[in-house]
């Protein structure tokens, strides 16, 4: 025990001061706080530069006006730098698609599963063959539509039907239907 004027001083007062916090503890807390602020100052620019730029965000969704598409016609648009096919099916094309035995398909899907309820005549698919990524023909007027009246991939001979389902050739899957919704009766938003 330390003696100053003949009275004993408790050990905790000499080691911790009157408030129980030593000066060294305060310095440690201040140093850790400064390091944390400095670390955030270094990390924030690195993380924020990984955020998508404005042009990338703009391409993350596409609006397509389908009011000018007549039955039997299709248009090509661009979605995320890839071709997008939007086709308005004729009553005969809808019947042909519904008459197919779904169990006989390589990638079984009904037309109803590939379209939106209330808009069964509008088929929206990515224009990329599921075999090796070529762009199938059949969306523009006068292009070869293949043996099943839908799309034909000239690269390796894949044939798709009117619902863009694979029917013949090396493609393993149907043409992909992207996420989309009708924002009105004449406008769809893809993505």
N, C-alpha and C. Protein backbone atom coordinates (compact mmCIF):
# COMPACT_ATOMS: atom_id res chain seq x y z
N UNK A 1 0.84 -1.16 0.00
CA UNK A 1 0.00 0.00 0.00
C UNK A 1 0.89 1.23 0.00
N UNK A 2 0.43 2.20 -0.67
CA UNK A 2 1.20 3.45 -0.73
C UNK A 2 0.81 4.37 0.41
N UNK A 3 1.83 4.95 1.01
CA UNK A 3 1.55 5.88 2.10
C UNK A 3 1.97 7.26 1.69
N UNK A 4 1.10 8.22 1.94
CA UNK A 4 1.43 9.61 1.63
C UNK A 4 1.51 10.43 2.91
N UNK A 5 0.47 10.50 3.67
CA UNK A 5 0.48 11.27 4.91
C UNK A 5 0.12 10.39 6.09
N UNK A 6 0.45 9.19 5.98
CA UNK A 6 0.18 8.29 7.08
C UNK A 6 -1.15 7.57 6.95
N UNK A 7 -1.91 7.85 5.87
CA UNK A 7 -3.18 7.13 5.67
C UNK A 7 -3.04 6.23 4.47
N UNK A 8 -3.73 5.15 4.48
CA UNK A 8 -3.67 4.20 3.36
C UNK A 8 -4.60 4.64 2.24
N UNK A 9 -4.12 4.54 0.98
CA UNK A 9 -4.93 4.88 -0.21
C UNK A 9 -5.30 3.56 -0.88
N UNK A 10 -6.60 3.35 -1.16
CA UNK A 10 -7.00 2.10 -1.82
C UNK A 10 -6.29 1.93 -3.16
N UNK A 11 -6.04 0.68 -3.55
CA UNK A 11 -5.30 0.37 -4.78
C UNK A 11 -6.04 0.84 -6.03
N UNK A 12 -7.39 0.72 -6.07
CA UNK A 12 -8.12 1.11 -7.28
C UNK A 12 -8.06 2.60 -7.56
N UNK A 13 -7.86 3.42 -6.58
CA UNK A 13 -7.76 4.86 -6.80
C UNK A 13 -6.42 5.19 -7.43
N UNK A 14 -5.37 4.54 -7.00
CA UNK A 14 -4.06 4.85 -7.55
C UNK A 14 -3.91 4.31 -8.97
N UNK A 15 -4.55 3.20 -9.30
CA UNK A 15 -4.41 2.62 -10.64
C UNK A 15 -5.38 3.23 -11.64
N UNK A 16 -6.62 3.53 -11.25
CA UNK A 16 -7.65 3.96 -12.18
C UNK A 16 -8.05 5.41 -12.05
N UNK A 17 -7.58 6.10 -11.12
CA UNK A 17 -8.02 7.47 -10.90
C UNK A 17 -9.36 7.47 -10.20
N UNK A 18 -9.96 8.63 -10.09
CA UNK A 18 -11.21 8.75 -9.35
C UNK A 18 -12.41 8.17 -10.10
N UNK A 19 -12.42 8.24 -11.45
CA UNK A 19 -13.60 7.80 -12.19
C UNK A 19 -13.50 6.36 -12.70
N UNK A 20 -12.47 5.66 -12.45
CA UNK A 20 -12.34 4.27 -12.83
C UNK A 20 -11.81 4.08 -14.25
N UNK A 21 -11.51 5.13 -15.03
CA UNK A 21 -10.99 5.02 -16.39
C UNK A 21 -9.59 5.58 -16.41
N UNK A 22 -8.67 4.78 -16.86
CA UNK A 22 -7.29 5.25 -16.93
C UNK A 22 -7.07 6.07 -18.19
N UNK A 23 -6.07 6.86 -18.20
CA UNK A 23 -5.74 7.68 -19.35
C UNK A 23 -5.40 6.80 -20.56
N UNK A 24 -4.76 5.67 -20.30
CA UNK A 24 -4.39 4.74 -21.36
C UNK A 24 -5.66 4.19 -22.05
N UNK A 25 -6.71 3.90 -21.30
CA UNK A 25 -7.97 3.42 -21.87
C UNK A 25 -8.56 4.46 -22.83
N UNK A 26 -8.52 5.71 -22.44
CA UNK A 26 -9.05 6.77 -23.29
C UNK A 26 -8.27 6.86 -24.59
N UNK A 27 -6.97 6.76 -24.52
CA UNK A 27 -6.12 6.83 -25.72
C UNK A 27 -6.42 5.65 -26.64
N UNK A 28 -6.59 4.46 -26.05
CA UNK A 28 -6.94 3.29 -26.87
C UNK A 28 -8.28 3.48 -27.59
N UNK A 29 -9.27 3.95 -26.89
CA UNK A 29 -10.59 4.16 -27.49
C UNK A 29 -10.51 5.21 -28.59
N UNK A 30 -9.79 6.29 -28.36
CA UNK A 30 -9.64 7.35 -29.36
C UNK A 30 -8.90 6.83 -30.59
N UNK A 31 -7.88 6.02 -30.39
CA UNK A 31 -7.12 5.48 -31.52
C UNK A 31 -7.97 4.52 -32.35
N UNK A 32 -8.74 3.66 -31.68
CA UNK A 32 -9.61 2.73 -32.40
C UNK A 32 -10.70 3.48 -33.17
N UNK A 33 -11.26 4.51 -32.57
CA UNK A 33 -12.25 5.34 -33.25
C UNK A 33 -11.68 6.02 -34.48
N UNK A 34 -10.49 6.58 -34.37
CA UNK A 34 -9.84 7.24 -35.51
C UNK A 34 -9.53 6.23 -36.62
N UNK A 35 -9.10 5.03 -36.24
CA UNK A 35 -8.81 3.98 -37.24
C UNK A 35 -10.10 3.57 -37.96
N UNK A 36 -11.19 3.49 -37.21
CA UNK A 36 -12.48 3.12 -37.83
C UNK A 36 -12.93 4.15 -38.84
N UNK A 37 -12.82 5.44 -38.48
CA UNK A 37 -13.20 6.51 -39.41
C UNK A 37 -12.28 6.50 -40.63
N UNK A 38 -11.00 6.30 -40.41
CA UNK A 38 -10.05 6.23 -41.52
C UNK A 38 -10.33 5.04 -42.42
N UNK A 39 -10.66 3.91 -41.81
CA UNK A 39 -10.99 2.71 -42.60
C UNK A 39 -12.22 2.94 -43.47
N UNK A 40 -13.25 3.57 -42.90
CA UNK A 40 -14.45 3.88 -43.69
C UNK A 40 -14.13 4.83 -44.83
N UNK A 41 -13.25 5.80 -44.57
CA UNK A 41 -12.87 6.75 -45.62
C UNK A 41 -12.16 6.06 -46.77
N UNK A 42 -11.45 4.98 -46.50
CA UNK A 42 -10.77 4.23 -47.54
C UNK A 42 -11.72 3.25 -48.24
N UNK A 43 -12.57 2.57 -47.49
CA UNK A 43 -13.43 1.53 -48.04
C UNK A 43 -14.61 2.09 -48.83
N UNK A 44 -15.20 3.19 -48.41
CA UNK A 44 -16.40 3.73 -49.06
C UNK A 44 -16.20 3.97 -50.56
N UNK A 45 -15.13 4.67 -51.00
CA UNK A 45 -14.95 4.86 -52.44
C UNK A 45 -14.77 3.55 -53.20
N UNK A 46 -14.12 2.58 -52.59
CA UNK A 46 -13.94 1.29 -53.25
C UNK A 46 -15.26 0.57 -53.44
N UNK A 47 -16.12 0.59 -52.45
CA UNK A 47 -17.42 -0.08 -52.54
C UNK A 47 -18.35 0.68 -53.47
N UNK A 48 -18.38 2.00 -53.37
CA UNK A 48 -19.30 2.78 -54.19
C UNK A 48 -18.96 2.71 -55.67
N UNK A 49 -17.71 2.51 -56.03
CA UNK A 49 -17.36 2.41 -57.44
C UNK A 49 -17.82 1.09 -58.06
N UNK A 50 -18.22 0.12 -57.22
CA UNK A 50 -18.75 -1.13 -57.74
C UNK A 50 -20.24 -1.07 -58.05
N UNK A 51 -20.91 0.00 -57.69
CA UNK A 51 -22.34 0.16 -57.97
C UNK A 51 -22.53 0.35 -59.47
N UNK A 52 -23.65 -0.13 -60.03
CA UNK A 52 -23.86 0.02 -61.47
C UNK A 52 -24.01 1.49 -61.86
N UNK A 53 -23.48 1.82 -63.03
CA UNK A 53 -23.55 3.19 -63.50
C UNK A 53 -24.95 3.49 -64.04
N UNK A 54 -25.22 4.74 -64.34
CA UNK A 54 -26.55 5.16 -64.81
C UNK A 54 -26.93 4.48 -66.11
N UNK A 55 -25.97 4.28 -67.04
CA UNK A 55 -26.32 3.63 -68.30
C UNK A 55 -26.65 2.15 -68.11
N UNK A 56 -26.02 1.52 -67.15
CA UNK A 56 -26.33 0.12 -66.86
C UNK A 56 -27.72 0.02 -66.22
N UNK A 57 -28.02 0.91 -65.30
CA UNK A 57 -29.35 0.91 -64.68
C UNK A 57 -30.44 1.19 -65.71
N UNK A 58 -30.16 2.03 -66.68
CA UNK A 58 -31.14 2.35 -67.71
C UNK A 58 -31.44 1.13 -68.58
N UNK A 59 -30.45 0.27 -68.78
CA UNK A 59 -30.64 -0.93 -69.60
C UNK A 59 -31.22 -2.09 -68.81
N UNK A 60 -31.40 -1.93 -67.52
CA UNK A 60 -31.91 -3.05 -66.72
C UNK A 60 -33.38 -3.30 -66.95
N UNK A 61 -34.08 -2.36 -67.56
CA UNK A 61 -35.47 -2.59 -67.95
C UNK A 61 -35.73 -1.86 -69.26
N UNK A 62 -36.67 -2.39 -70.02
CA UNK A 62 -37.01 -1.83 -71.33
C UNK A 62 -38.51 -1.77 -71.45
N UNK A 63 -39.02 -0.66 -71.94
CA UNK A 63 -40.44 -0.55 -72.24
C UNK A 63 -40.64 -0.73 -73.73
N UNK A 64 -41.66 -1.53 -74.09
CA UNK A 64 -41.95 -1.79 -75.49
C UNK A 64 -43.42 -1.49 -75.75
N UNK A 65 -43.67 -0.64 -76.74
CA UNK A 65 -45.04 -0.32 -77.15
C UNK A 65 -45.46 -1.36 -78.18
N UNK A 66 -46.49 -2.11 -77.86
CA UNK A 66 -46.94 -3.19 -78.75
C UNK A 66 -48.21 -2.82 -79.50
N UNK A 67 -48.64 -1.56 -79.43
CA UNK A 67 -49.90 -1.15 -80.05
C UNK A 67 -49.90 -1.30 -81.57
N UNK A 68 -48.73 -1.20 -82.20
CA UNK A 68 -48.67 -1.26 -83.65
C UNK A 68 -48.47 -2.68 -84.19
N UNK A 69 -48.32 -3.66 -83.31
CA UNK A 69 -48.09 -5.04 -83.77
C UNK A 69 -49.45 -5.67 -84.08
N UNK A 70 -49.61 -6.10 -85.32
CA UNK A 70 -50.84 -6.78 -85.72
C UNK A 70 -50.66 -8.28 -85.56
N UNK A 71 -51.78 -9.01 -85.55
CA UNK A 71 -51.74 -10.46 -85.41
C UNK A 71 -50.85 -11.07 -86.50
N UNK A 72 -49.94 -11.92 -86.09
CA UNK A 72 -49.02 -12.56 -87.02
C UNK A 72 -47.71 -11.81 -87.19
N UNK A 73 -47.60 -10.62 -86.64
CA UNK A 73 -46.38 -9.83 -86.77
C UNK A 73 -45.55 -9.91 -85.49
N UNK A 74 -44.28 -9.61 -85.65
CA UNK A 74 -43.36 -9.57 -84.50
C UNK A 74 -42.45 -8.36 -84.66
N UNK A 75 -41.93 -7.89 -83.54
CA UNK A 75 -40.93 -6.83 -83.57
C UNK A 75 -39.71 -7.29 -82.80
N UNK A 76 -38.60 -6.68 -83.13
CA UNK A 76 -37.36 -6.94 -82.40
C UNK A 76 -37.04 -5.69 -81.59
N UNK A 77 -36.67 -5.89 -80.35
CA UNK A 77 -36.23 -4.81 -79.48
C UNK A 77 -34.91 -5.25 -78.86
N UNK A 78 -34.35 -4.42 -78.01
CA UNK A 78 -33.10 -4.75 -77.33
C UNK A 78 -33.33 -4.69 -75.83
N UNK A 79 -32.92 -5.75 -75.16
CA UNK A 79 -33.02 -5.82 -73.71
C UNK A 79 -31.69 -6.34 -73.17
N UNK A 80 -31.03 -5.52 -72.36
CA UNK A 80 -29.71 -5.86 -71.80
C UNK A 80 -28.73 -6.28 -72.88
N UNK A 81 -28.73 -5.52 -73.96
CA UNK A 81 -27.82 -5.70 -75.09
C UNK A 81 -28.04 -7.02 -75.83
N UNK A 82 -29.22 -7.60 -75.69
CA UNK A 82 -29.56 -8.82 -76.41
C UNK A 82 -30.88 -8.61 -77.15
N UNK A 83 -31.09 -9.33 -78.26
CA UNK A 83 -32.35 -9.17 -78.99
C UNK A 83 -33.54 -9.71 -78.19
N UNK A 84 -34.64 -9.02 -78.33
CA UNK A 84 -35.90 -9.39 -77.67
C UNK A 84 -36.96 -9.48 -78.76
N UNK A 85 -37.68 -10.59 -78.81
CA UNK A 85 -38.75 -10.77 -79.79
C UNK A 85 -40.09 -10.60 -79.10
N UNK A 86 -40.95 -9.78 -79.67
CA UNK A 86 -42.32 -9.61 -79.18
C UNK A 86 -43.24 -9.91 -80.35
N UNK A 87 -44.04 -10.96 -80.21
CA UNK A 87 -44.89 -11.42 -81.31
C UNK A 87 -46.35 -11.46 -80.87
N UNK A 88 -47.22 -10.97 -81.75
CA UNK A 88 -48.67 -11.08 -81.52
C UNK A 88 -49.14 -12.28 -82.34
N UNK A 89 -49.58 -13.30 -81.64
CA UNK A 89 -49.98 -14.56 -82.28
C UNK A 89 -51.36 -14.45 -82.91
N UNK A 90 -51.53 -15.13 -84.03
CA UNK A 90 -52.85 -15.22 -84.66
C UNK A 90 -53.65 -16.29 -83.94
N UNK A 91 -54.97 -16.30 -84.10
CA UNK A 91 -55.77 -17.38 -83.50
C UNK A 91 -55.30 -18.77 -83.95
N UNK A 92 -54.88 -18.90 -85.21
CA UNK A 92 -54.39 -20.20 -85.71
C UNK A 92 -53.08 -20.59 -85.03
N UNK A 93 -52.17 -19.62 -84.82
CA UNK A 93 -50.91 -19.92 -84.14
C UNK A 93 -51.16 -20.33 -82.69
N UNK A 94 -52.13 -19.69 -82.05
CA UNK A 94 -52.48 -20.06 -80.67
C UNK A 94 -53.03 -21.48 -80.64
N UNK A 95 -53.92 -21.80 -81.61
CA UNK A 95 -54.50 -23.15 -81.70
C UNK A 95 -53.40 -24.18 -81.95
N UNK A 96 -52.49 -23.88 -82.89
CA UNK A 96 -51.39 -24.81 -83.19
C UNK A 96 -50.54 -25.07 -81.94
N UNK A 97 -50.25 -24.02 -81.18
CA UNK A 97 -49.43 -24.17 -79.97
C UNK A 97 -50.17 -24.98 -78.92
N UNK A 98 -51.47 -24.76 -78.78
CA UNK A 98 -52.24 -25.48 -77.76
C UNK A 98 -52.52 -26.92 -78.15
N UNK A 99 -52.48 -27.25 -79.46
CA UNK A 99 -52.73 -28.61 -79.92
C UNK A 99 -51.55 -29.55 -79.72
N UNK A 100 -50.38 -29.00 -79.41
CA UNK A 100 -49.18 -29.83 -79.24
C UNK A 100 -49.26 -30.58 -77.92
N UNK A 101 -48.93 -31.88 -77.94
CA UNK A 101 -48.85 -32.67 -76.72
C UNK A 101 -47.61 -32.21 -75.95
N UNK A 102 -47.83 -31.56 -74.83
CA UNK A 102 -46.72 -30.98 -74.05
C UNK A 102 -45.74 -32.06 -73.60
N UNK A 103 -46.23 -33.27 -73.35
CA UNK A 103 -45.37 -34.36 -72.92
C UNK A 103 -44.37 -34.78 -73.98
N UNK A 104 -44.62 -34.45 -75.23
CA UNK A 104 -43.71 -34.83 -76.31
C UNK A 104 -42.59 -33.81 -76.51
N UNK A 105 -42.63 -32.71 -75.78
CA UNK A 105 -41.64 -31.65 -75.96
C UNK A 105 -40.38 -31.90 -75.15
N UNK A 106 -39.26 -31.48 -75.68
CA UNK A 106 -37.97 -31.59 -74.98
C UNK A 106 -37.96 -30.73 -73.72
N UNK A 107 -38.52 -29.55 -73.82
CA UNK A 107 -38.63 -28.62 -72.69
C UNK A 107 -40.12 -28.31 -72.53
N UNK A 108 -40.86 -29.17 -71.80
CA UNK A 108 -42.33 -29.06 -71.78
C UNK A 108 -42.86 -27.79 -71.09
N UNK A 109 -43.55 -26.98 -71.88
CA UNK A 109 -44.24 -25.80 -71.39
C UNK A 109 -45.46 -25.55 -72.27
N UNK A 110 -46.55 -25.14 -71.65
CA UNK A 110 -47.73 -24.78 -72.42
C UNK A 110 -47.60 -23.33 -72.86
N UNK A 111 -48.43 -22.94 -73.82
CA UNK A 111 -48.44 -21.55 -74.25
C UNK A 111 -48.87 -20.65 -73.10
N UNK A 112 -49.80 -21.11 -72.28
CA UNK A 112 -50.27 -20.31 -71.14
C UNK A 112 -49.14 -20.05 -70.14
N UNK A 113 -48.21 -20.99 -70.01
CA UNK A 113 -47.07 -20.80 -69.10
C UNK A 113 -46.07 -19.80 -69.66
N UNK A 114 -46.11 -19.57 -70.96
CA UNK A 114 -45.14 -18.69 -71.62
C UNK A 114 -45.69 -17.30 -71.90
N UNK A 115 -46.97 -17.08 -71.61
CA UNK A 115 -47.60 -15.77 -71.83
C UNK A 115 -48.27 -15.32 -70.53
N UNK A 116 -48.77 -14.09 -70.54
CA UNK A 116 -49.47 -13.54 -69.37
C UNK A 116 -50.97 -13.75 -69.53
N UNK A 117 -51.64 -14.01 -68.41
CA UNK A 117 -53.09 -14.20 -68.42
C UNK A 117 -53.77 -12.94 -68.94
N UNK A 118 -54.71 -13.15 -69.84
CA UNK A 118 -55.41 -12.03 -70.46
C UNK A 118 -54.71 -11.49 -71.69
N UNK A 119 -53.47 -11.93 -71.91
CA UNK A 119 -52.68 -11.50 -73.07
C UNK A 119 -52.02 -12.72 -73.72
N UNK A 120 -52.80 -13.79 -73.89
CA UNK A 120 -52.25 -15.03 -74.44
C UNK A 120 -51.78 -14.87 -75.87
N UNK A 121 -52.19 -13.79 -76.53
CA UNK A 121 -51.80 -13.58 -77.92
C UNK A 121 -50.46 -12.84 -78.05
N UNK A 122 -49.85 -12.44 -76.94
CA UNK A 122 -48.57 -11.72 -76.98
C UNK A 122 -47.49 -12.61 -76.37
N UNK A 123 -46.53 -12.98 -77.21
CA UNK A 123 -45.42 -13.84 -76.78
C UNK A 123 -44.15 -13.00 -76.74
N UNK A 124 -43.50 -12.95 -75.58
CA UNK A 124 -42.27 -12.19 -75.39
C UNK A 124 -41.15 -13.18 -75.08
N UNK A 125 -40.12 -13.20 -75.91
CA UNK A 125 -38.99 -14.11 -75.70
C UNK A 125 -37.68 -13.39 -76.00
N UNK A 126 -36.63 -13.91 -75.43
CA UNK A 126 -35.29 -13.43 -75.79
C UNK A 126 -34.97 -14.02 -77.17
N UNK A 127 -34.34 -13.24 -78.01
CA UNK A 127 -33.99 -13.69 -79.35
C UNK A 127 -32.62 -14.31 -79.40
N UNK A 128 -32.38 -15.26 -78.51
CA UNK A 128 -31.08 -15.92 -78.42
C UNK A 128 -31.32 -17.42 -78.37
N UNK A 129 -30.77 -18.14 -79.34
CA UNK A 129 -30.92 -19.60 -79.37
C UNK A 129 -30.25 -20.21 -78.14
N UNK A 130 -30.91 -21.17 -77.56
CA UNK A 130 -30.39 -21.78 -76.33
C UNK A 130 -29.30 -22.82 -76.60
N UNK A 131 -28.94 -23.00 -77.86
CA UNK A 131 -27.85 -23.93 -78.17
C UNK A 131 -26.50 -23.24 -77.99
N UNK A 132 -26.18 -22.28 -78.85
CA UNK A 132 -24.89 -21.59 -78.74
C UNK A 132 -25.02 -20.08 -78.84
N UNK A 133 -26.23 -19.55 -78.68
CA UNK A 133 -26.40 -18.12 -78.59
C UNK A 133 -26.56 -17.36 -79.89
N UNK A 134 -26.86 -18.03 -80.99
CA UNK A 134 -27.12 -17.33 -82.24
C UNK A 134 -28.49 -16.66 -82.17
N UNK A 135 -28.77 -15.75 -83.11
CA UNK A 135 -30.07 -15.08 -83.16
C UNK A 135 -30.93 -15.81 -84.19
N UNK A 136 -32.04 -16.41 -83.74
CA UNK A 136 -32.91 -17.13 -84.67
C UNK A 136 -33.62 -16.18 -85.64
N UNK A 137 -34.01 -16.73 -86.78
CA UNK A 137 -34.81 -16.02 -87.76
C UNK A 137 -36.28 -16.27 -87.48
N UNK A 138 -37.14 -15.41 -88.02
CA UNK A 138 -38.57 -15.60 -87.90
C UNK A 138 -39.30 -14.42 -87.30
N UNK A 139 -38.57 -13.47 -86.75
CA UNK A 139 -39.22 -12.30 -86.15
C UNK A 139 -39.55 -11.25 -87.21
N UNK A 140 -38.73 -11.13 -88.22
CA UNK A 140 -38.96 -10.13 -89.26
C UNK A 140 -39.75 -10.75 -90.41
N UNK A 141 -40.45 -9.91 -91.12
CA UNK A 141 -41.26 -10.38 -92.24
C UNK A 141 -40.37 -10.95 -93.33
N UNK A 142 -40.75 -12.10 -93.85
CA UNK A 142 -40.00 -12.74 -94.92
C UNK A 142 -38.88 -13.66 -94.45
N UNK A 143 -38.60 -13.70 -93.16
CA UNK A 143 -37.54 -14.58 -92.66
C UNK A 143 -38.07 -16.01 -92.55
N UNK A 144 -37.16 -16.96 -92.64
CA UNK A 144 -37.50 -18.37 -92.51
C UNK A 144 -37.99 -18.63 -91.09
N UNK A 145 -39.13 -19.30 -90.95
CA UNK A 145 -39.71 -19.56 -89.63
C UNK A 145 -39.51 -21.01 -89.18
N UNK A 146 -38.88 -21.82 -90.00
CA UNK A 146 -38.64 -23.21 -89.62
C UNK A 146 -39.83 -24.10 -89.90
N UNK A 147 -39.66 -25.37 -89.60
CA UNK A 147 -40.68 -26.37 -89.91
C UNK A 147 -41.95 -26.24 -89.07
N UNK A 148 -41.90 -25.52 -87.95
CA UNK A 148 -43.05 -25.46 -87.04
C UNK A 148 -43.65 -24.06 -86.96
N UNK A 149 -43.27 -23.17 -87.89
CA UNK A 149 -43.89 -21.87 -88.01
C UNK A 149 -43.51 -20.83 -86.97
N UNK A 150 -42.46 -21.08 -86.21
CA UNK A 150 -42.06 -20.13 -85.17
C UNK A 150 -40.77 -19.43 -85.52
N UNK A 151 -39.65 -20.02 -85.07
CA UNK A 151 -38.34 -19.44 -85.31
C UNK A 151 -37.40 -20.54 -85.79
N UNK A 152 -36.37 -20.12 -86.53
CA UNK A 152 -35.37 -21.06 -87.05
C UNK A 152 -34.00 -20.47 -86.81
N UNK A 153 -33.13 -21.25 -86.17
CA UNK A 153 -31.76 -20.81 -85.93
C UNK A 153 -30.88 -21.31 -87.08
N UNK A 154 -30.34 -20.40 -87.88
CA UNK A 154 -29.56 -20.82 -89.05
C UNK A 154 -28.18 -21.37 -88.70
N UNK A 155 -27.70 -21.14 -87.50
CA UNK A 155 -26.35 -21.59 -87.13
C UNK A 155 -26.24 -23.11 -87.10
N UNK A 156 -27.19 -23.78 -86.42
CA UNK A 156 -27.10 -25.23 -86.28
C UNK A 156 -28.43 -25.94 -86.52
N UNK A 157 -29.44 -25.21 -87.01
CA UNK A 157 -30.67 -25.83 -87.45
C UNK A 157 -31.71 -26.12 -86.39
N UNK A 158 -31.78 -25.34 -85.34
CA UNK A 158 -32.83 -25.55 -84.34
C UNK A 158 -34.13 -24.94 -84.84
N UNK A 159 -35.24 -25.67 -84.67
CA UNK A 159 -36.56 -25.22 -85.09
C UNK A 159 -37.43 -25.03 -83.85
N UNK A 160 -38.10 -23.88 -83.78
CA UNK A 160 -38.99 -23.55 -82.67
C UNK A 160 -40.40 -23.40 -83.21
N UNK A 161 -41.41 -23.75 -82.40
CA UNK A 161 -42.80 -23.63 -82.86
C UNK A 161 -43.34 -22.23 -82.59
N UNK A 162 -44.65 -22.04 -82.79
CA UNK A 162 -45.25 -20.71 -82.66
C UNK A 162 -45.20 -20.18 -81.23
N UNK A 163 -44.98 -21.05 -80.24
CA UNK A 163 -44.83 -20.63 -78.85
C UNK A 163 -43.36 -20.52 -78.46
N UNK A 164 -42.46 -20.56 -79.47
CA UNK A 164 -41.00 -20.46 -79.28
C UNK A 164 -40.46 -21.61 -78.44
N UNK A 165 -41.08 -22.79 -78.59
CA UNK A 165 -40.62 -23.99 -77.89
C UNK A 165 -39.76 -24.81 -78.85
N UNK A 166 -38.68 -25.37 -78.36
CA UNK A 166 -37.79 -26.16 -79.21
C UNK A 166 -38.50 -27.44 -79.65
N UNK A 167 -38.44 -27.68 -80.95
CA UNK A 167 -39.11 -28.87 -81.51
C UNK A 167 -38.14 -29.78 -82.25
N UNK A 168 -37.07 -29.20 -82.81
CA UNK A 168 -36.13 -30.00 -83.59
C UNK A 168 -34.78 -29.29 -83.59
N UNK A 169 -33.71 -30.06 -83.56
CA UNK A 169 -32.38 -29.47 -83.61
C UNK A 169 -31.66 -29.60 -82.28
N UNK A 170 -30.45 -29.05 -82.21
CA UNK A 170 -29.61 -29.26 -81.02
C UNK A 170 -29.93 -28.38 -79.80
N UNK A 171 -30.77 -27.37 -79.94
CA UNK A 171 -31.05 -26.49 -78.79
C UNK A 171 -31.70 -27.30 -77.67
N UNK A 172 -31.21 -27.18 -76.44
CA UNK A 172 -31.75 -27.97 -75.33
C UNK A 172 -33.03 -27.41 -74.72
N UNK A 173 -33.24 -26.08 -74.83
CA UNK A 173 -34.36 -25.44 -74.15
C UNK A 173 -35.14 -24.54 -75.09
N UNK A 174 -36.35 -24.18 -74.67
CA UNK A 174 -37.16 -23.20 -75.39
C UNK A 174 -36.47 -21.84 -75.34
N UNK A 175 -36.89 -20.93 -76.25
CA UNK A 175 -36.39 -19.57 -76.14
C UNK A 175 -36.84 -19.01 -74.80
N UNK A 176 -35.97 -18.32 -74.13
CA UNK A 176 -36.23 -17.84 -72.77
C UNK A 176 -37.28 -16.74 -72.77
N UNK A 177 -38.21 -16.84 -71.84
CA UNK A 177 -39.20 -15.78 -71.60
C UNK A 177 -38.67 -14.94 -70.44
N UNK A 178 -38.33 -13.67 -70.69
CA UNK A 178 -37.80 -12.83 -69.59
C UNK A 178 -38.93 -12.40 -68.66
N UNK A 179 -38.54 -11.87 -67.51
CA UNK A 179 -39.53 -11.28 -66.60
C UNK A 179 -40.09 -10.03 -67.25
N UNK A 180 -41.41 -9.94 -67.34
CA UNK A 180 -42.03 -8.75 -67.91
C UNK A 180 -43.44 -8.61 -67.35
N UNK A 181 -43.99 -7.41 -67.52
CA UNK A 181 -45.36 -7.17 -67.08
C UNK A 181 -45.99 -6.13 -68.00
N UNK A 182 -47.30 -6.17 -68.08
CA UNK A 182 -48.04 -5.18 -68.85
C UNK A 182 -48.28 -3.97 -67.96
N UNK A 183 -47.77 -2.80 -68.37
CA UNK A 183 -48.04 -1.58 -67.62
C UNK A 183 -49.33 -0.93 -68.11
N UNK A 184 -49.75 -1.30 -69.32
CA UNK A 184 -51.05 -0.92 -69.87
C UNK A 184 -51.39 -1.99 -70.90
N UNK A 185 -52.51 -1.82 -71.61
CA UNK A 185 -52.88 -2.82 -72.60
C UNK A 185 -51.94 -2.80 -73.81
N UNK A 186 -51.19 -1.72 -73.98
CA UNK A 186 -50.35 -1.59 -75.17
C UNK A 186 -48.86 -1.43 -74.86
N UNK A 187 -48.47 -1.46 -73.59
CA UNK A 187 -47.06 -1.28 -73.23
C UNK A 187 -46.65 -2.37 -72.25
N UNK A 188 -45.49 -2.98 -72.55
CA UNK A 188 -44.92 -3.96 -71.62
C UNK A 188 -43.60 -3.41 -71.10
N UNK A 189 -43.28 -3.77 -69.87
CA UNK A 189 -41.99 -3.42 -69.29
C UNK A 189 -41.25 -4.72 -69.03
N UNK A 190 -40.11 -4.87 -69.66
CA UNK A 190 -39.29 -6.07 -69.53
C UNK A 190 -38.18 -5.78 -68.54
N UNK A 191 -38.02 -6.68 -67.59
CA UNK A 191 -36.95 -6.52 -66.59
C UNK A 191 -37.42 -5.96 -65.29
